[in-house]
Amino acid sequence: MSIKGFMERRAIWLLAGLVIGLQWVGGCSKKDSSELITLKGRIEKVRRTTDTTGELTVRFFHEKQNMEIVGTAAVTPETRIERNGGPAPFQDLAEGMQVNGQVRSEKKDGQRTYTAVLIQIETPKASSGD
């Protein structure tokens, strides 16, 4: 191995050791994290700021905590809203509706945020008059 190659490897190992050491003593912040939560619940509150943005508060059963909780997530222009499998506008969401959905939970710089990724509304289909 050449001296140059040896020095490059040594520099990489020293840098890796420094990063690990700083994380060990708390010199660097913990890694940011993100997780996708699937839920089924009832809309408690809808707050619209525009036609495609706002907040949605839903009461749902949280399996990890084994209890019913209320959570609020941001609705963005990227949030997919569906009614009976097809696209639907944010205005279709109303308090009391049953919804299924996915929410992205992200922790960044010590703050946790929740963003709605998918909201599905299931509307009962009209009966054919049996």
N, C-alpha and C. Protein backbone atom coordinates (compact mmCIF):
# COMPACT_ATOMS: atom_id res chain seq x y z
N MET A 1 0.86 -1.17 0.00
CA MET A 1 0.00 0.00 0.00
C MET A 1 0.90 1.24 0.00
N SER A 2 0.53 2.23 -0.78
CA SER A 2 1.35 3.45 -0.85
C SER A 2 1.13 4.29 0.41
N ILE A 3 2.04 5.20 0.65
CA ILE A 3 1.93 6.10 1.80
C ILE A 3 0.69 6.98 1.66
N LYS A 4 0.40 7.43 0.42
CA LYS A 4 -0.77 8.27 0.18
C LYS A 4 -2.06 7.50 0.53
N GLY A 5 -2.16 6.24 0.08
CA GLY A 5 -3.33 5.42 0.39
C GLY A 5 -3.47 5.18 1.88
N PHE A 6 -2.33 4.93 2.54
CA PHE A 6 -2.35 4.73 3.99
C PHE A 6 -2.85 5.98 4.70
N MET A 7 -2.38 7.15 4.29
CA MET A 7 -2.77 8.42 4.93
C MET A 7 -4.26 8.72 4.69
N GLU A 8 -4.74 8.42 3.48
CA GLU A 8 -6.16 8.65 3.19
C GLU A 8 -7.03 7.76 4.06
N ARG A 9 -6.66 6.49 4.20
CA ARG A 9 -7.42 5.57 5.05
C ARG A 9 -7.39 6.01 6.50
N ARG A 10 -6.21 6.42 6.94
CA ARG A 10 -6.07 6.86 8.33
C ARG A 10 -6.94 8.09 8.59
N ALA A 11 -6.99 9.03 7.63
CA ALA A 11 -7.81 10.23 7.78
C ALA A 11 -9.29 9.87 7.86
N ILE A 12 -9.71 8.90 7.05
CA ILE A 12 -11.12 8.48 7.08
C ILE A 12 -11.45 7.86 8.43
N TRP A 13 -10.58 6.99 8.94
CA TRP A 13 -10.82 6.35 10.23
C TRP A 13 -10.82 7.38 11.36
N LEU A 14 -9.93 8.36 11.30
CA LEU A 14 -9.89 9.40 12.34
C LEU A 14 -11.17 10.23 12.31
N LEU A 15 -11.63 10.58 11.11
CA LEU A 15 -12.87 11.35 10.97
C LEU A 15 -14.06 10.55 11.49
N ALA A 16 -14.14 9.27 11.13
CA ALA A 16 -15.24 8.42 11.61
C ALA A 16 -15.21 8.31 13.13
N GLY A 17 -14.02 8.15 13.69
CA GLY A 17 -13.89 8.09 15.15
C GLY A 17 -14.32 9.37 15.82
N LEU A 18 -14.00 10.51 15.21
CA LEU A 18 -14.39 11.81 15.76
C LEU A 18 -15.92 11.96 15.76
N VAL A 19 -16.55 11.59 14.64
CA VAL A 19 -18.02 11.70 14.54
C VAL A 19 -18.68 10.81 15.58
N ILE A 20 -18.22 9.56 15.69
CA ILE A 20 -18.80 8.63 16.67
C ILE A 20 -18.58 9.15 18.08
N GLY A 21 -17.39 9.66 18.36
CA GLY A 21 -17.09 10.20 19.68
C GLY A 21 -17.97 11.39 20.04
N LEU A 22 -18.19 12.29 19.08
CA LEU A 22 -19.05 13.45 19.34
C LEU A 22 -20.48 13.02 19.61
N GLN A 23 -20.97 12.03 18.86
CA GLN A 23 -22.33 11.55 19.10
C GLN A 23 -22.43 10.88 20.46
N TRP A 24 -21.39 10.15 20.84
CA TRP A 24 -21.38 9.44 22.12
C TRP A 24 -21.49 10.40 23.29
N VAL A 25 -20.78 11.52 23.25
CA VAL A 25 -20.81 12.47 24.37
C VAL A 25 -21.91 13.50 24.22
N GLY A 26 -22.69 13.40 23.17
CA GLY A 26 -23.81 14.33 23.01
C GLY A 26 -23.44 15.60 22.28
N GLY A 27 -22.30 15.63 21.64
CA GLY A 27 -21.89 16.82 20.91
C GLY A 27 -22.70 17.05 19.65
N CYS A 28 -23.27 16.01 19.08
CA CYS A 28 -24.12 16.13 17.89
C CYS A 28 -25.55 15.80 18.30
N SER A 29 -26.49 16.43 17.62
CA SER A 29 -27.89 16.13 17.95
C SER A 29 -28.23 14.73 17.46
N LYS A 30 -29.25 14.14 18.08
CA LYS A 30 -29.69 12.82 17.67
C LYS A 30 -30.22 12.90 16.24
N LYS A 31 -30.19 11.76 15.56
CA LYS A 31 -30.66 11.71 14.19
C LYS A 31 -32.13 12.10 14.13
N ASP A 32 -32.47 12.79 13.05
CA ASP A 32 -33.87 13.08 12.79
C ASP A 32 -34.54 11.76 12.41
N SER A 33 -35.83 11.65 12.70
CA SER A 33 -36.53 10.41 12.40
C SER A 33 -37.86 10.69 11.72
N SER A 34 -38.33 9.71 10.99
CA SER A 34 -39.60 9.82 10.28
C SER A 34 -40.27 8.46 10.30
N GLU A 35 -41.59 8.46 10.48
CA GLU A 35 -42.33 7.19 10.45
C GLU A 35 -43.69 7.45 9.86
N LEU A 36 -44.25 6.45 9.19
CA LEU A 36 -45.57 6.54 8.58
C LEU A 36 -46.56 5.80 9.47
N ILE A 37 -47.60 6.49 9.90
CA ILE A 37 -48.61 5.93 10.80
C ILE A 37 -49.89 5.71 10.01
N THR A 38 -50.45 4.51 10.06
CA THR A 38 -51.73 4.22 9.43
C THR A 38 -52.79 4.28 10.51
N LEU A 39 -53.90 4.95 10.21
CA LEU A 39 -54.95 5.08 11.22
C LEU A 39 -56.33 5.04 10.61
N LYS A 40 -57.30 4.79 11.49
CA LYS A 40 -58.71 4.79 11.13
C LYS A 40 -59.43 5.50 12.26
N GLY A 41 -60.22 6.51 11.92
CA GLY A 41 -60.88 7.25 12.98
C GLY A 41 -61.97 8.17 12.48
N ARG A 42 -62.34 9.12 13.36
CA ARG A 42 -63.42 10.06 13.07
C ARG A 42 -62.88 11.48 13.14
N ILE A 43 -63.25 12.30 12.15
CA ILE A 43 -62.78 13.68 12.12
C ILE A 43 -63.44 14.47 13.25
N GLU A 44 -62.61 15.10 14.07
CA GLU A 44 -63.09 15.96 15.16
C GLU A 44 -63.19 17.42 14.72
N LYS A 45 -62.20 17.85 13.90
CA LYS A 45 -62.16 19.25 13.51
C LYS A 45 -61.42 19.40 12.19
N VAL A 46 -61.92 20.30 11.34
CA VAL A 46 -61.26 20.65 10.08
C VAL A 46 -60.98 22.14 10.13
N ARG A 47 -59.73 22.51 9.91
CA ARG A 47 -59.36 23.94 9.84
C ARG A 47 -58.70 24.17 8.49
N ARG A 48 -59.36 24.97 7.65
CA ARG A 48 -58.83 25.25 6.32
C ARG A 48 -58.15 26.61 6.31
N THR A 49 -56.95 26.67 5.72
CA THR A 49 -56.28 27.97 5.52
C THR A 49 -56.38 28.37 4.06
N THR A 50 -56.42 27.39 3.15
CA THR A 50 -56.67 27.62 1.72
C THR A 50 -57.50 26.43 1.23
N ASP A 51 -57.72 26.35 -0.08
CA ASP A 51 -58.47 25.22 -0.65
C ASP A 51 -57.72 23.89 -0.52
N THR A 52 -56.40 23.94 -0.34
CA THR A 52 -55.61 22.71 -0.29
C THR A 52 -54.75 22.58 0.96
N THR A 53 -54.84 23.53 1.89
CA THR A 53 -54.01 23.46 3.10
C THR A 53 -54.83 23.72 4.35
N GLY A 54 -54.32 23.22 5.46
CA GLY A 54 -54.97 23.43 6.74
C GLY A 54 -54.54 22.37 7.73
N GLU A 55 -55.44 22.06 8.65
CA GLU A 55 -55.19 21.03 9.66
C GLU A 55 -56.42 20.16 9.82
N LEU A 56 -56.17 18.92 10.17
CA LEU A 56 -57.24 17.95 10.39
C LEU A 56 -56.99 17.30 11.74
N THR A 57 -58.01 17.31 12.59
CA THR A 57 -57.92 16.67 13.90
C THR A 57 -58.80 15.43 13.87
N VAL A 58 -58.22 14.27 14.21
CA VAL A 58 -58.91 12.99 14.13
C VAL A 58 -58.79 12.25 15.45
N ARG A 59 -59.89 11.64 15.89
CA ARG A 59 -59.90 10.76 17.06
C ARG A 59 -59.74 9.34 16.53
N PHE A 60 -58.70 8.63 17.03
CA PHE A 60 -58.43 7.28 16.55
C PHE A 60 -57.85 6.44 17.66
N PHE A 61 -57.87 5.12 17.45
CA PHE A 61 -57.31 4.19 18.42
C PHE A 61 -55.84 3.99 18.11
N HIS A 62 -54.99 4.27 19.08
CA HIS A 62 -53.54 4.13 18.93
C HIS A 62 -53.13 2.78 19.50
N GLU A 63 -52.71 1.86 18.63
CA GLU A 63 -52.43 0.48 19.06
C GLU A 63 -51.25 0.40 20.03
N LYS A 64 -50.17 1.16 19.77
CA LYS A 64 -49.00 1.11 20.66
C LYS A 64 -49.35 1.57 22.07
N GLN A 65 -50.18 2.60 22.18
CA GLN A 65 -50.57 3.12 23.49
C GLN A 65 -51.81 2.42 24.03
N ASN A 66 -52.46 1.60 23.20
CA ASN A 66 -53.65 0.84 23.57
C ASN A 66 -54.75 1.75 24.14
N MET A 67 -54.95 2.88 23.44
CA MET A 67 -55.99 3.80 23.88
C MET A 67 -56.42 4.70 22.73
N GLU A 68 -57.59 5.30 22.89
CA GLU A 68 -58.08 6.25 21.90
C GLU A 68 -57.44 7.60 22.17
N ILE A 69 -56.94 8.23 21.11
CA ILE A 69 -56.33 9.55 21.26
C ILE A 69 -56.82 10.48 20.16
N VAL A 70 -56.55 11.76 20.33
CA VAL A 70 -56.89 12.77 19.33
C VAL A 70 -55.58 13.34 18.82
N GLY A 71 -55.43 13.37 17.50
CA GLY A 71 -54.20 13.89 16.91
C GLY A 71 -54.52 14.87 15.80
N THR A 72 -53.64 15.84 15.61
CA THR A 72 -53.81 16.85 14.58
C THR A 72 -52.65 16.77 13.60
N ALA A 73 -52.97 16.82 12.31
CA ALA A 73 -51.95 16.75 11.26
C ALA A 73 -52.18 17.87 10.26
N ALA A 74 -51.09 18.34 9.68
CA ALA A 74 -51.17 19.35 8.64
C ALA A 74 -51.67 18.71 7.34
N VAL A 75 -52.50 19.44 6.62
CA VAL A 75 -52.93 19.04 5.28
C VAL A 75 -52.19 19.98 4.32
N THR A 76 -51.50 19.39 3.35
CA THR A 76 -50.71 20.17 2.40
C THR A 76 -51.22 19.92 0.98
N PRO A 77 -50.76 20.68 0.01
CA PRO A 77 -51.16 20.40 -1.38
C PRO A 77 -50.76 19.00 -1.84
N GLU A 78 -49.77 18.39 -1.17
CA GLU A 78 -49.33 17.04 -1.52
C GLU A 78 -50.19 15.95 -0.87
N THR A 79 -51.04 16.31 0.10
CA THR A 79 -51.91 15.32 0.75
C THR A 79 -52.89 14.78 -0.27
N ARG A 80 -52.96 13.44 -0.37
CA ARG A 80 -53.90 12.79 -1.28
C ARG A 80 -55.21 12.56 -0.54
N ILE A 81 -56.28 13.10 -1.07
CA ILE A 81 -57.61 12.92 -0.48
C ILE A 81 -58.45 12.13 -1.48
N GLU A 82 -59.07 11.04 -0.99
CA GLU A 82 -59.85 10.17 -1.86
C GLU A 82 -61.23 9.92 -1.25
N ARG A 83 -62.23 9.83 -2.14
CA ARG A 83 -63.58 9.44 -1.73
C ARG A 83 -63.97 8.25 -2.59
N ASN A 84 -64.26 7.12 -1.94
CA ASN A 84 -64.62 5.88 -2.64
C ASN A 84 -63.61 5.52 -3.73
N GLY A 85 -62.32 5.72 -3.45
CA GLY A 85 -61.27 5.32 -4.37
C GLY A 85 -60.84 6.35 -5.40
N GLY A 86 -61.59 7.45 -5.53
CA GLY A 86 -61.23 8.49 -6.50
C GLY A 86 -60.81 9.77 -5.80
N PRO A 87 -60.20 10.69 -6.52
CA PRO A 87 -59.74 11.94 -5.91
C PRO A 87 -60.91 12.78 -5.39
N ALA A 88 -60.65 13.51 -4.32
CA ALA A 88 -61.67 14.37 -3.71
C ALA A 88 -60.99 15.65 -3.23
N PRO A 89 -61.73 16.76 -3.19
CA PRO A 89 -61.15 18.02 -2.70
C PRO A 89 -61.15 18.08 -1.17
N PHE A 90 -60.29 18.91 -0.63
CA PHE A 90 -60.19 19.13 0.81
C PHE A 90 -61.55 19.55 1.38
N GLN A 91 -62.34 20.28 0.61
CA GLN A 91 -63.64 20.76 1.07
C GLN A 91 -64.62 19.63 1.38
N ASP A 92 -64.37 18.42 0.86
CA ASP A 92 -65.25 17.28 1.12
C ASP A 92 -65.12 16.75 2.55
N LEU A 93 -64.05 17.11 3.25
CA LEU A 93 -63.84 16.62 4.62
C LEU A 93 -64.67 17.44 5.59
N ALA A 94 -65.37 16.74 6.50
CA ALA A 94 -66.23 17.42 7.47
C ALA A 94 -66.17 16.70 8.81
N GLU A 95 -66.47 17.44 9.87
CA GLU A 95 -66.49 16.87 11.22
C GLU A 95 -67.47 15.71 11.27
N GLY A 96 -67.10 14.66 11.98
CA GLY A 96 -67.95 13.50 12.16
C GLY A 96 -67.72 12.40 11.14
N MET A 97 -67.02 12.69 10.04
CA MET A 97 -66.77 11.66 9.01
C MET A 97 -65.80 10.60 9.51
N GLN A 98 -66.04 9.37 9.09
CA GLN A 98 -65.10 8.27 9.35
C GLN A 98 -64.07 8.29 8.22
N VAL A 99 -62.80 8.21 8.59
CA VAL A 99 -61.73 8.24 7.59
C VAL A 99 -60.66 7.19 7.90
N ASN A 100 -59.98 6.78 6.88
CA ASN A 100 -58.76 5.99 6.99
C ASN A 100 -57.66 6.90 6.49
N GLY A 101 -56.45 6.66 6.93
CA GLY A 101 -55.39 7.51 6.43
C GLY A 101 -54.00 7.10 6.83
N GLN A 102 -53.06 7.88 6.31
CA GLN A 102 -51.67 7.72 6.66
C GLN A 102 -51.13 9.11 7.01
N VAL A 103 -50.37 9.15 8.10
CA VAL A 103 -49.79 10.39 8.59
C VAL A 103 -48.28 10.18 8.74
N ARG A 104 -47.51 11.14 8.24
CA ARG A 104 -46.06 11.08 8.42
C ARG A 104 -45.71 11.83 9.70
N SER A 105 -45.06 11.12 10.61
CA SER A 105 -44.57 11.70 11.86
C SER A 105 -43.08 11.93 11.68
N GLU A 106 -42.64 13.18 11.82
CA GLU A 106 -41.23 13.50 11.64
C GLU A 106 -40.70 14.25 12.85
N LYS A 107 -39.49 13.88 13.24
CA LYS A 107 -38.82 14.58 14.33
C LYS A 107 -37.59 15.25 13.74
N LYS A 108 -37.53 16.56 13.86
CA LYS A 108 -36.41 17.32 13.32
C LYS A 108 -36.06 18.42 14.31
N ASP A 109 -34.81 18.45 14.67
CA ASP A 109 -34.32 19.45 15.64
C ASP A 109 -35.13 19.43 16.93
N GLY A 110 -35.51 18.23 17.38
CA GLY A 110 -36.22 18.07 18.64
C GLY A 110 -37.71 18.35 18.57
N GLN A 111 -38.23 18.75 17.41
CA GLN A 111 -39.65 19.04 17.26
C GLN A 111 -40.31 17.94 16.43
N ARG A 112 -41.49 17.48 16.87
CA ARG A 112 -42.23 16.46 16.13
C ARG A 112 -43.37 17.13 15.37
N THR A 113 -43.48 16.80 14.08
CA THR A 113 -44.56 17.33 13.25
C THR A 113 -45.32 16.16 12.63
N TYR A 114 -46.58 16.40 12.32
CA TYR A 114 -47.43 15.38 11.71
C TYR A 114 -48.04 15.97 10.45
N THR A 115 -47.91 15.22 9.34
CA THR A 115 -48.43 15.68 8.05
C THR A 115 -49.28 14.56 7.45
N ALA A 116 -50.50 14.90 7.05
CA ALA A 116 -51.38 13.91 6.41
C ALA A 116 -50.84 13.60 5.02
N VAL A 117 -50.65 12.31 4.74
CA VAL A 117 -50.17 11.86 3.44
C VAL A 117 -51.35 11.40 2.60
N LEU A 118 -52.26 10.65 3.23
CA LEU A 118 -53.42 10.08 2.55
C LEU A 118 -54.62 10.13 3.49
N ILE A 119 -55.75 10.62 2.94
CA ILE A 119 -57.01 10.62 3.69
C ILE A 119 -58.05 9.97 2.78
N GLN A 120 -58.66 8.89 3.27
CA GLN A 120 -59.67 8.17 2.50
C GLN A 120 -61.02 8.27 3.18
N ILE A 121 -62.02 8.74 2.42
CA ILE A 121 -63.39 8.84 2.90
C ILE A 121 -64.17 7.70 2.27
N GLU A 122 -64.87 6.93 3.07
CA GLU A 122 -65.71 5.88 2.52
C GLU A 122 -67.16 6.31 2.70
N THR A 123 -67.82 6.59 1.59
CA THR A 123 -69.22 6.98 1.62
C THR A 123 -70.06 5.76 1.27
N PRO A 124 -71.07 5.45 2.11
CA PRO A 124 -71.93 4.30 1.78
C PRO A 124 -72.57 4.48 0.41
N LYS A 125 -72.58 3.42 -0.35
CA LYS A 125 -73.19 3.46 -1.68
C LYS A 125 -74.71 3.34 -1.52
N ALA A 126 -75.42 4.04 -2.38
CA ALA A 126 -76.89 3.99 -2.34
C ALA A 126 -77.37 2.60 -2.67
N SER A 127 -78.37 2.15 -1.92
CA SER A 127 -78.91 0.80 -2.19
C SER A 127 -79.78 0.87 -3.44
N SER A 128 -79.95 -0.28 -4.09
CA SER A 128 -80.72 -0.33 -5.33
C SER A 128 -82.20 -0.59 -5.11
N GLY A 129 -82.65 -0.43 -3.84
CA GLY A 129 -84.07 -0.55 -3.54
C GLY A 129 -84.57 -1.98 -3.53
N ASP A 130 -83.96 -2.82 -2.70
CA ASP A 130 -84.33 -4.24 -2.64
C ASP A 130 -85.76 -4.41 -2.31
